[in-house]
Amino acid sequence: MSIHRLARRRPTPALILACLALFVALGGTSYAVATGSIGSSQIRDGSVRSIDVKDHGLRGLDLARDTVDGEAIDEATLDVSKLDLPEAEPPRGDVTLRVRVDPQGRESLARGVEDVDHLFTGYYDVTFDRDVSQCVAVATVLDDMAGPGEIRIRQNDGSERTVAVATTNSAGTPTDQGFHLIVSC
């Protein structure tokens, strides 16, 4: 065999370099994927989309503040036990609290009422089982034997759970009158 024939079968330096570069490129990517060694330094900011993330792979602390709107949240997946809610106040919603009070201060048809105090002639305090300071209260005088009358209410008189009620006759003199009180939150 001649030396010229062996020289023809030897790869050129360019071919060796090209094969080495291809091997490193393919091997490095495969190694990185196989070992999970791709980290945040290898990912360009803003380049990862939601389709690129495995389900349940992101947590709230991984997202920028105010970047997820209500439509993107499946309410069925929320765990209310993990919310930091104050224990003294029940969760708010559309709630209607009510009571019917007779002229002596006895309550009936009550919902969400803890107590009714008849303080003195024409003055009552109605205490609810929750904070009603941000609710809307409406009261009406009962049509009874006391005759026509007027009613005034005042919320948050020293307690966030109390509504003060004052009843008078049509001349403005304090008179014990029955009333309905409705509080909507």
N, C-alpha and C. Protein backbone atom coordinates (compact mmCIF):
# COMPACT_ATOMS: atom_id res chain seq x y z
N MET A 1 0.83 -1.16 0.00
CA MET A 1 0.00 0.00 0.00
C MET A 1 0.88 1.23 0.00
N SER A 2 0.51 2.16 -0.78
CA SER A 2 1.36 3.34 -0.89
C SER A 2 0.93 4.40 0.11
N ILE A 3 1.81 5.31 0.39
CA ILE A 3 1.57 6.38 1.36
C ILE A 3 0.51 7.34 0.83
N HIS A 4 0.44 7.49 -0.45
CA HIS A 4 -0.57 8.39 -1.02
C HIS A 4 -1.97 7.87 -0.80
N ARG A 5 -2.14 6.56 -0.82
CA ARG A 5 -3.47 6.00 -0.59
C ARG A 5 -3.90 6.23 0.86
N LEU A 6 -3.01 6.10 1.86
CA LEU A 6 -3.34 6.36 3.27
C LEU A 6 -3.67 7.82 3.48
N ALA A 7 -3.00 8.68 2.83
CA ALA A 7 -3.24 10.12 2.97
C ALA A 7 -4.63 10.47 2.50
N ARG A 8 -5.11 9.78 1.48
CA ARG A 8 -6.45 10.08 0.99
C ARG A 8 -7.53 9.64 1.98
N ARG A 9 -7.28 8.62 2.74
CA ARG A 9 -8.28 8.11 3.67
C ARG A 9 -8.30 8.88 4.98
N ARG A 10 -7.32 9.64 5.31
CA ARG A 10 -7.26 10.40 6.55
C ARG A 10 -8.19 11.61 6.48
N PRO A 11 -8.97 11.88 7.56
CA PRO A 11 -9.85 13.06 7.52
C PRO A 11 -9.04 14.35 7.60
N THR A 12 -9.56 15.34 7.00
CA THR A 12 -8.87 16.64 7.01
C THR A 12 -9.09 17.31 8.35
N PRO A 13 -8.24 18.24 8.72
CA PRO A 13 -8.42 18.98 9.98
C PRO A 13 -9.77 19.71 10.03
N ALA A 14 -10.25 20.21 8.93
CA ALA A 14 -11.54 20.91 8.90
C ALA A 14 -12.68 19.95 9.23
N LEU A 15 -12.63 18.72 8.70
CA LEU A 15 -13.66 17.74 8.98
C LEU A 15 -13.63 17.34 10.46
N ILE A 16 -12.44 17.16 11.00
CA ILE A 16 -12.31 16.81 12.42
C ILE A 16 -12.90 17.92 13.29
N LEU A 17 -12.58 19.16 12.99
CA LEU A 17 -13.08 20.30 13.75
C LEU A 17 -14.60 20.42 13.64
N ALA A 18 -15.15 20.21 12.47
CA ALA A 18 -16.60 20.29 12.27
C ALA A 18 -17.31 19.20 13.06
N CYS A 19 -16.77 17.97 13.01
CA CYS A 19 -17.38 16.86 13.76
C CYS A 19 -17.31 17.11 15.26
N LEU A 20 -16.19 17.64 15.73
CA LEU A 20 -16.04 17.95 17.15
C LEU A 20 -17.03 19.01 17.59
N ALA A 21 -17.18 20.04 16.78
CA ALA A 21 -18.14 21.11 17.10
C ALA A 21 -19.57 20.57 17.15
N LEU A 22 -19.93 19.72 16.19
CA LEU A 22 -21.26 19.12 16.16
C LEU A 22 -21.47 18.24 17.39
N PHE A 23 -20.49 17.44 17.76
CA PHE A 23 -20.60 16.56 18.92
C PHE A 23 -20.79 17.37 20.21
N VAL A 24 -20.01 18.43 20.37
CA VAL A 24 -20.12 19.27 21.57
C VAL A 24 -21.48 19.95 21.63
N ALA A 25 -21.94 20.46 20.49
CA ALA A 25 -23.22 21.16 20.45
C ALA A 25 -24.36 20.21 20.80
N LEU A 26 -24.41 19.06 20.18
CA LEU A 26 -25.48 18.11 20.45
C LEU A 26 -25.35 17.50 21.84
N GLY A 27 -24.18 17.17 22.22
CA GLY A 27 -23.94 16.55 23.52
C GLY A 27 -24.21 17.52 24.66
N GLY A 28 -23.84 18.76 24.53
CA GLY A 28 -24.05 19.76 25.58
C GLY A 28 -25.52 20.02 25.82
N THR A 29 -26.30 20.16 24.75
CA THR A 29 -27.74 20.38 24.87
C THR A 29 -28.40 19.17 25.49
N SER A 30 -28.05 18.00 25.02
CA SER A 30 -28.62 16.77 25.57
C SER A 30 -28.27 16.61 27.03
N TYR A 31 -27.03 16.92 27.38
CA TYR A 31 -26.61 16.81 28.77
C TYR A 31 -27.38 17.79 29.65
N ALA A 32 -27.57 19.02 29.18
CA ALA A 32 -28.27 20.03 29.95
C ALA A 32 -29.73 19.64 30.17
N VAL A 33 -30.37 19.12 29.13
CA VAL A 33 -31.76 18.70 29.25
C VAL A 33 -31.87 17.49 30.17
N ALA A 34 -30.95 16.52 30.00
CA ALA A 34 -31.01 15.28 30.78
C ALA A 34 -30.75 15.52 32.26
N THR A 35 -29.87 16.46 32.59
CA THR A 35 -29.52 16.68 34.00
C THR A 35 -30.33 17.79 34.63
N GLY A 36 -31.15 18.51 33.85
CA GLY A 36 -31.94 19.60 34.41
C GLY A 36 -31.09 20.78 34.82
N SER A 37 -29.98 20.96 34.16
CA SER A 37 -29.07 22.02 34.56
C SER A 37 -29.34 23.35 33.86
N ILE A 38 -30.47 23.46 33.18
CA ILE A 38 -30.83 24.75 32.60
C ILE A 38 -31.47 25.57 33.71
N GLY A 39 -30.88 26.69 34.00
CA GLY A 39 -31.36 27.54 35.08
C GLY A 39 -31.76 28.90 34.57
N SER A 40 -32.08 29.78 35.50
CA SER A 40 -32.55 31.10 35.11
C SER A 40 -31.48 31.91 34.40
N SER A 41 -30.19 31.59 34.63
CA SER A 41 -29.14 32.33 33.92
C SER A 41 -29.09 31.97 32.44
N GLN A 42 -29.60 30.78 32.07
CA GLN A 42 -29.62 30.38 30.67
C GLN A 42 -30.90 30.82 29.95
N ILE A 43 -31.88 31.36 30.68
CA ILE A 43 -33.16 31.75 30.08
C ILE A 43 -33.23 33.27 29.99
N ARG A 44 -33.54 33.75 28.83
CA ARG A 44 -33.65 35.18 28.60
C ARG A 44 -34.94 35.69 29.28
N ASP A 45 -34.88 36.83 29.97
CA ASP A 45 -36.05 37.41 30.64
C ASP A 45 -37.18 37.61 29.65
N GLY A 46 -38.38 37.20 30.06
CA GLY A 46 -39.58 37.40 29.24
C GLY A 46 -39.74 36.40 28.12
N SER A 47 -38.86 35.40 28.04
CA SER A 47 -38.94 34.46 26.92
C SER A 47 -39.79 33.23 27.22
N VAL A 48 -40.08 32.95 28.48
CA VAL A 48 -40.87 31.77 28.83
C VAL A 48 -42.35 32.15 28.79
N ARG A 49 -43.14 31.34 28.07
CA ARG A 49 -44.57 31.57 27.96
C ARG A 49 -45.31 30.53 28.78
N SER A 50 -46.60 30.72 29.00
CA SER A 50 -47.36 29.79 29.83
C SER A 50 -47.37 28.39 29.23
N ILE A 51 -47.31 28.27 27.93
CA ILE A 51 -47.31 26.95 27.29
C ILE A 51 -46.01 26.19 27.59
N ASP A 52 -44.94 26.92 27.94
CA ASP A 52 -43.64 26.31 28.22
C ASP A 52 -43.52 25.78 29.65
N VAL A 53 -44.50 26.08 30.52
CA VAL A 53 -44.41 25.72 31.94
C VAL A 53 -45.31 24.53 32.23
N LYS A 54 -44.76 23.55 32.92
CA LYS A 54 -45.53 22.37 33.32
C LYS A 54 -46.65 22.80 34.26
N ASP A 55 -47.81 22.11 34.18
CA ASP A 55 -48.94 22.43 35.05
C ASP A 55 -48.50 22.40 36.51
N HIS A 56 -48.99 23.36 37.29
CA HIS A 56 -48.72 23.50 38.71
C HIS A 56 -47.24 23.78 38.98
N GLY A 57 -46.52 24.26 37.98
CA GLY A 57 -45.09 24.48 38.15
C GLY A 57 -44.74 25.84 38.70
N LEU A 58 -45.66 26.79 38.69
CA LEU A 58 -45.39 28.12 39.21
C LEU A 58 -46.20 28.37 40.47
N ARG A 59 -45.62 29.13 41.37
CA ARG A 59 -46.30 29.52 42.60
C ARG A 59 -46.52 31.02 42.57
N GLY A 60 -47.32 31.51 43.48
CA GLY A 60 -47.62 32.94 43.53
C GLY A 60 -46.39 33.81 43.66
N LEU A 61 -45.40 33.35 44.43
CA LEU A 61 -44.20 34.16 44.62
C LEU A 61 -43.32 34.20 43.37
N ASP A 62 -43.59 33.34 42.39
CA ASP A 62 -42.85 33.36 41.14
C ASP A 62 -43.37 34.42 40.17
N LEU A 63 -44.54 34.99 40.47
CA LEU A 63 -45.17 35.95 39.56
C LEU A 63 -45.04 37.36 40.11
N ALA A 64 -44.96 38.31 39.21
CA ALA A 64 -44.90 39.72 39.61
C ALA A 64 -46.26 40.12 40.18
N ARG A 65 -46.26 41.05 41.12
CA ARG A 65 -47.49 41.53 41.76
C ARG A 65 -48.46 42.08 40.73
N ASP A 66 -49.74 41.76 40.88
CA ASP A 66 -50.85 42.24 40.05
C ASP A 66 -50.72 41.83 38.59
N THR A 67 -50.13 40.66 38.31
CA THR A 67 -50.01 40.22 36.92
C THR A 67 -51.04 39.16 36.55
N VAL A 68 -51.77 38.64 37.52
CA VAL A 68 -52.79 37.64 37.25
C VAL A 68 -54.15 38.25 37.57
N ASP A 69 -55.06 38.28 36.59
CA ASP A 69 -56.37 38.85 36.85
C ASP A 69 -57.35 37.75 37.26
N GLY A 70 -58.53 38.14 37.67
CA GLY A 70 -59.53 37.21 38.17
C GLY A 70 -59.97 36.16 37.17
N GLU A 71 -59.96 36.48 35.89
CA GLU A 71 -60.40 35.53 34.88
C GLU A 71 -59.42 34.37 34.73
N ALA A 72 -58.17 34.57 35.13
CA ALA A 72 -57.16 33.54 34.98
C ALA A 72 -57.16 32.56 36.16
N ILE A 73 -57.98 32.81 37.17
CA ILE A 73 -57.98 31.97 38.37
C ILE A 73 -59.20 31.07 38.36
N ASP A 74 -58.97 29.79 38.54
CA ASP A 74 -60.06 28.82 38.67
C ASP A 74 -60.43 28.79 40.15
N GLU A 75 -61.56 29.38 40.52
CA GLU A 75 -61.95 29.51 41.92
C GLU A 75 -62.07 28.17 42.62
N ALA A 76 -62.37 27.11 41.88
CA ALA A 76 -62.52 25.78 42.49
C ALA A 76 -61.19 25.27 43.03
N THR A 77 -60.07 25.84 42.57
CA THR A 77 -58.76 25.37 43.03
C THR A 77 -58.24 26.15 44.23
N LEU A 78 -58.95 27.17 44.65
CA LEU A 78 -58.49 27.98 45.77
C LEU A 78 -58.73 27.26 47.09
N ASP A 79 -57.78 27.35 47.99
CA ASP A 79 -57.89 26.76 49.31
C ASP A 79 -58.10 27.89 50.31
N VAL A 80 -59.34 28.11 50.72
CA VAL A 80 -59.69 29.23 51.59
C VAL A 80 -58.98 29.13 52.94
N SER A 81 -58.63 27.94 53.37
CA SER A 81 -57.98 27.79 54.67
C SER A 81 -56.60 28.45 54.69
N LYS A 82 -56.02 28.71 53.52
CA LYS A 82 -54.70 29.33 53.47
C LYS A 82 -54.77 30.85 53.41
N LEU A 83 -55.98 31.42 53.31
CA LEU A 83 -56.13 32.87 53.28
C LEU A 83 -55.97 33.42 54.68
N ASP A 84 -55.39 34.60 54.78
CA ASP A 84 -55.18 35.23 56.07
C ASP A 84 -56.38 36.13 56.38
N LEU A 85 -57.51 35.51 56.78
CA LEU A 85 -58.72 36.25 57.10
C LEU A 85 -58.79 36.47 58.60
N PRO A 86 -59.26 37.65 59.03
CA PRO A 86 -59.45 37.83 60.47
C PRO A 86 -60.55 36.90 60.97
N GLU A 87 -60.33 36.29 62.12
CA GLU A 87 -61.28 35.30 62.61
C GLU A 87 -62.52 35.93 63.22
N ALA A 88 -62.44 37.17 63.70
CA ALA A 88 -63.56 37.78 64.38
C ALA A 88 -64.68 38.16 63.41
N GLU A 89 -64.35 38.41 62.17
CA GLU A 89 -65.34 38.87 61.21
C GLU A 89 -65.60 37.79 60.17
N PRO A 90 -66.85 37.36 60.03
CA PRO A 90 -67.14 36.36 59.00
C PRO A 90 -66.95 36.95 57.61
N PRO A 91 -66.72 36.12 56.61
CA PRO A 91 -66.56 36.64 55.26
C PRO A 91 -67.78 37.42 54.82
N ARG A 92 -67.54 38.51 54.09
CA ARG A 92 -68.64 39.35 53.62
C ARG A 92 -69.25 38.79 52.36
N GLY A 93 -70.48 39.13 52.15
CA GLY A 93 -71.21 38.77 50.95
C GLY A 93 -72.48 39.59 50.95
N ASP A 94 -73.42 39.26 50.14
CA ASP A 94 -74.70 39.94 50.18
C ASP A 94 -75.51 39.34 51.31
N VAL A 95 -75.58 40.06 52.44
CA VAL A 95 -76.26 39.57 53.62
C VAL A 95 -77.30 40.59 54.04
N THR A 96 -78.49 40.12 54.37
CA THR A 96 -79.53 40.99 54.90
C THR A 96 -79.83 40.56 56.32
N LEU A 97 -79.61 41.49 57.26
CA LEU A 97 -79.91 41.26 58.67
C LEU A 97 -81.21 42.00 58.96
N ARG A 98 -82.02 41.47 59.88
CA ARG A 98 -83.30 42.11 60.10
C ARG A 98 -83.80 41.82 61.51
N VAL A 99 -84.72 42.68 61.95
CA VAL A 99 -85.39 42.45 63.22
C VAL A 99 -86.69 43.26 63.24
N ARG A 100 -87.69 42.70 63.90
CA ARG A 100 -88.93 43.41 64.21
C ARG A 100 -88.94 43.60 65.71
N VAL A 101 -89.11 44.84 66.15
CA VAL A 101 -89.07 45.16 67.58
C VAL A 101 -90.40 45.78 67.97
N ASP A 102 -91.00 45.27 69.08
CA ASP A 102 -92.26 45.87 69.54
C ASP A 102 -91.94 47.07 70.43
N PRO A 103 -92.94 47.87 70.83
CA PRO A 103 -92.68 49.09 71.62
C PRO A 103 -91.92 48.83 72.93
N GLN A 104 -92.02 47.63 73.50
CA GLN A 104 -91.32 47.33 74.76
C GLN A 104 -89.89 46.85 74.52
N GLY A 105 -89.48 46.69 73.26
CA GLY A 105 -88.12 46.28 72.95
C GLY A 105 -87.94 44.79 72.75
N ARG A 106 -89.05 44.05 72.66
CA ARG A 106 -88.96 42.61 72.42
C ARG A 106 -88.79 42.38 70.92
N GLU A 107 -87.86 41.49 70.59
CA GLU A 107 -87.56 41.23 69.19
C GLU A 107 -88.29 40.02 68.67
N SER A 108 -88.53 40.01 67.36
CA SER A 108 -89.07 38.85 66.67
C SER A 108 -88.59 38.91 65.23
N LEU A 109 -88.74 37.81 64.52
CA LEU A 109 -88.31 37.73 63.12
C LEU A 109 -86.86 38.17 62.93
N ALA A 110 -86.03 37.89 63.92
CA ALA A 110 -84.65 38.39 63.89
C ALA A 110 -83.74 37.47 63.08
N ARG A 111 -82.82 38.09 62.37
CA ARG A 111 -81.75 37.36 61.66
C ARG A 111 -80.45 38.15 61.85
N GLY A 112 -79.47 37.52 62.48
CA GLY A 112 -78.18 38.16 62.71
C GLY A 112 -78.17 39.15 63.86
N VAL A 113 -79.20 39.12 64.71
CA VAL A 113 -79.30 40.05 65.84
C VAL A 113 -78.90 39.33 67.12
N GLU A 114 -78.01 39.95 67.90
CA GLU A 114 -77.61 39.39 69.18
C GLU A 114 -78.49 39.89 70.32
N ASP A 115 -78.85 41.20 70.27
CA ASP A 115 -79.57 41.77 71.40
C ASP A 115 -80.29 43.05 70.99
N VAL A 116 -81.40 43.32 71.65
CA VAL A 116 -82.10 44.60 71.52
C VAL A 116 -82.25 45.17 72.93
N ASP A 117 -81.73 46.38 73.14
CA ASP A 117 -81.85 47.05 74.44
C ASP A 117 -82.81 48.21 74.31
N HIS A 118 -83.84 48.24 75.18
CA HIS A 118 -84.76 49.38 75.27
C HIS A 118 -84.18 50.29 76.35
N LEU A 119 -83.46 51.33 75.94
CA LEU A 119 -82.71 52.16 76.87
C LEU A 119 -83.62 53.01 77.73
N PHE A 120 -84.48 53.77 77.11
CA PHE A 120 -85.51 54.57 77.77
C PHE A 120 -86.52 54.97 76.72
N THR A 121 -87.52 55.73 77.07
CA THR A 121 -88.64 56.01 76.17
C THR A 121 -88.17 56.45 74.80
N GLY A 122 -88.50 55.65 73.79
CA GLY A 122 -88.22 55.99 72.40
C GLY A 122 -86.80 55.67 71.93
N TYR A 123 -85.94 55.12 72.80
CA TYR A 123 -84.54 54.88 72.41
C TYR A 123 -84.20 53.40 72.57
N TYR A 124 -83.62 52.83 71.50
CA TYR A 124 -83.28 51.41 71.45
C TYR A 124 -81.87 51.25 70.86
N ASP A 125 -81.16 50.24 71.28
CA ASP A 125 -79.90 49.83 70.65
C ASP A 125 -80.10 48.41 70.14
N VAL A 126 -79.82 48.19 68.85
CA VAL A 126 -79.89 46.86 68.26
C VAL A 126 -78.45 46.42 67.97
N THR A 127 -78.03 45.31 68.57
CA THR A 127 -76.67 44.81 68.40
C THR A 127 -76.70 43.57 67.51
N PHE A 128 -75.88 43.59 66.46
CA PHE A 128 -75.82 42.49 65.49
C PHE A 128 -74.64 41.59 65.79
N ASP A 129 -74.60 40.44 65.14
CA ASP A 129 -73.53 39.46 65.38
C ASP A 129 -72.30 39.71 64.53
N ARG A 130 -72.24 40.85 63.87
CA ARG A 130 -71.09 41.18 63.01
C ARG A 130 -70.97 42.69 62.88
N ASP A 131 -69.88 43.13 62.29
CA ASP A 131 -69.64 44.54 62.03
C ASP A 131 -70.63 45.02 60.96
N VAL A 132 -71.41 46.05 61.28
CA VAL A 132 -72.37 46.61 60.32
C VAL A 132 -72.05 48.06 59.99
N SER A 133 -70.84 48.51 60.36
CA SER A 133 -70.48 49.92 60.16
C SER A 133 -70.40 50.31 58.68
N GLN A 134 -70.18 49.36 57.78
CA GLN A 134 -70.10 49.66 56.36
C GLN A 134 -71.35 49.20 55.61
N CYS A 135 -72.41 48.89 56.35
CA CYS A 135 -73.66 48.40 55.75
C CYS A 135 -74.67 49.54 55.65
N VAL A 136 -75.77 49.27 54.96
CA VAL A 136 -76.85 50.24 54.82
C VAL A 136 -78.00 49.80 55.70
N ALA A 137 -78.48 50.70 56.56
CA ALA A 137 -79.58 50.38 57.47
C ALA A 137 -80.81 51.20 57.11
N VAL A 138 -81.99 50.54 57.17
CA VAL A 138 -83.26 51.19 56.89
C VAL A 138 -84.24 50.75 57.98
N ALA A 139 -84.99 51.72 58.53
CA ALA A 139 -85.97 51.40 59.56
C ALA A 139 -87.31 52.03 59.23
N THR A 140 -88.39 51.35 59.62
CA THR A 140 -89.74 51.88 59.46
C THR A 140 -90.51 51.66 60.75
N VAL A 141 -91.40 52.60 61.06
CA VAL A 141 -92.24 52.50 62.25
C VAL A 141 -93.36 51.51 61.95
N LEU A 142 -93.67 50.64 62.93
CA LEU A 142 -94.79 49.72 62.79
C LEU A 142 -96.10 50.49 62.92
N ASP A 143 -97.06 50.09 62.14
CA ASP A 143 -98.38 50.69 62.24
C ASP A 143 -99.11 50.01 63.39
N ASP A 144 -99.07 50.66 64.57
CA ASP A 144 -99.71 50.05 65.74
C ASP A 144 -100.54 51.08 66.49
N MET A 145 -100.88 50.79 67.72
CA MET A 145 -101.79 51.63 68.50
C MET A 145 -101.17 52.97 68.89
N ALA A 146 -99.85 53.14 68.81
CA ALA A 146 -99.22 54.38 69.24
C ALA A 146 -99.52 55.52 68.28
N GLY A 147 -100.05 55.23 67.13
CA GLY A 147 -100.35 56.28 66.17
C GLY A 147 -99.18 56.56 65.28
N PRO A 148 -99.31 57.55 64.39
CA PRO A 148 -98.22 57.86 63.46
C PRO A 148 -96.97 58.31 64.22
N GLY A 149 -95.85 58.00 63.65
CA GLY A 149 -94.61 58.38 64.31
C GLY A 149 -93.47 58.52 63.31
N GLU A 150 -92.32 58.84 63.87
CA GLU A 150 -91.11 59.00 63.07
C GLU A 150 -90.01 58.15 63.68
N ILE A 151 -89.02 57.88 62.86
CA ILE A 151 -87.92 57.04 63.33
C ILE A 151 -86.60 57.59 62.78
N ARG A 152 -85.58 57.53 63.62
CA ARG A 152 -84.23 57.92 63.20
C ARG A 152 -83.28 56.78 63.59
N ILE A 153 -82.28 56.56 62.77
CA ILE A 153 -81.28 55.55 63.09
C ILE A 153 -79.89 56.17 62.99
N ARG A 154 -78.99 55.63 63.79
CA ARG A 154 -77.60 56.11 63.74
C ARG A 154 -76.71 54.88 63.91
N GLN A 155 -75.80 54.70 62.97
CA GLN A 155 -74.88 53.56 63.01
C GLN A 155 -73.56 53.97 63.64
N ASN A 156 -72.83 52.98 64.12
CA ASN A 156 -71.48 53.14 64.64
C ASN A 156 -71.42 54.13 65.79
N ASP A 157 -72.33 54.00 66.72
CA ASP A 157 -72.35 54.85 67.90
C ASP A 157 -71.54 54.18 69.02
N GLY A 158 -70.22 54.14 68.83
CA GLY A 158 -69.35 53.51 69.83
C GLY A 158 -69.10 52.04 69.58
N SER A 159 -69.89 51.42 68.73
CA SER A 159 -69.69 50.00 68.42
C SER A 159 -69.99 49.78 66.95
N GLU A 160 -69.15 49.02 66.28
CA GLU A 160 -69.34 48.73 64.86
C GLU A 160 -70.49 47.76 64.63
N ARG A 161 -70.99 47.17 65.72
CA ARG A 161 -72.05 46.16 65.59
C ARG A 161 -73.42 46.68 66.04
N THR A 162 -73.52 47.93 66.45
CA THR A 162 -74.75 48.46 67.02
C THR A 162 -75.36 49.53 66.13
N VAL A 163 -76.69 49.47 66.01
CA VAL A 163 -77.46 50.52 65.34
C VAL A 163 -78.38 51.11 66.40
N ALA A 164 -78.29 52.44 66.60
CA ALA A 164 -79.15 53.14 67.56
C ALA A 164 -80.42 53.58 66.84
N VAL A 165 -81.58 53.35 67.49
CA VAL A 165 -82.87 53.67 66.91
C VAL A 165 -83.61 54.59 67.87
N ALA A 166 -84.15 55.68 67.33
CA ALA A 166 -84.96 56.61 68.14
C ALA A 166 -86.33 56.75 67.47
N THR A 167 -87.40 56.56 68.26
CA THR A 167 -88.76 56.70 67.74
C THR A 167 -89.46 57.85 68.45
N THR A 168 -90.24 58.60 67.69
CA THR A 168 -90.99 59.73 68.24
C THR A 168 -92.41 59.71 67.67
N ASN A 169 -93.29 60.50 68.32
CA ASN A 169 -94.61 60.69 67.73
C ASN A 169 -94.49 61.75 66.65
N SER A 170 -95.58 62.09 66.00
CA SER A 170 -95.51 63.05 64.89
C SER A 170 -95.13 64.46 65.36
N ALA A 171 -95.24 64.74 66.66
CA ALA A 171 -94.84 66.05 67.19
C ALA A 171 -93.35 66.07 67.54
N GLY A 172 -92.66 64.94 67.47
CA GLY A 172 -91.23 64.89 67.75
C GLY A 172 -90.89 64.51 69.18
N THR A 173 -91.90 64.16 69.98
CA THR A 173 -91.67 63.74 71.37
C THR A 173 -91.29 62.25 71.39
N PRO A 174 -90.20 61.89 72.10
CA PRO A 174 -89.83 60.48 72.18
C PRO A 174 -91.00 59.63 72.68
N THR A 175 -91.31 58.59 71.92
CA THR A 175 -92.41 57.69 72.22
C THR A 175 -91.98 56.27 71.88
N ASP A 176 -92.37 55.33 72.73
CA ASP A 176 -92.07 53.94 72.41
C ASP A 176 -92.91 53.52 71.21
N GLN A 177 -92.24 53.15 70.12
CA GLN A 177 -92.91 52.70 68.91
C GLN A 177 -92.25 51.39 68.47
N GLY A 178 -93.04 50.51 67.93
CA GLY A 178 -92.47 49.31 67.33
C GLY A 178 -91.87 49.68 65.98
N PHE A 179 -90.89 48.87 65.54
CA PHE A 179 -90.25 49.18 64.27
C PHE A 179 -89.67 47.93 63.63
N HIS A 180 -89.45 48.04 62.33
CA HIS A 180 -88.67 47.06 61.57
C HIS A 180 -87.33 47.69 61.27
N LEU A 181 -86.26 46.94 61.39
CA LEU A 181 -84.91 47.42 61.05
C LEU A 181 -84.29 46.39 60.11
N ILE A 182 -83.85 46.84 58.95
CA ILE A 182 -83.19 45.98 57.96
C ILE A 182 -81.79 46.56 57.70
N VAL A 183 -80.79 45.69 57.76
CA VAL A 183 -79.41 46.10 57.50
C VAL A 183 -78.91 45.22 56.35
N SER A 184 -78.45 45.86 55.28
CA SER A 184 -77.96 45.13 54.12
C SER A 184 -76.47 45.37 53.95
N CYS A 185 -75.73 44.28 53.89
CA CYS A 185 -74.26 44.38 53.76
C CYS A 185 -73.82 43.79 52.44
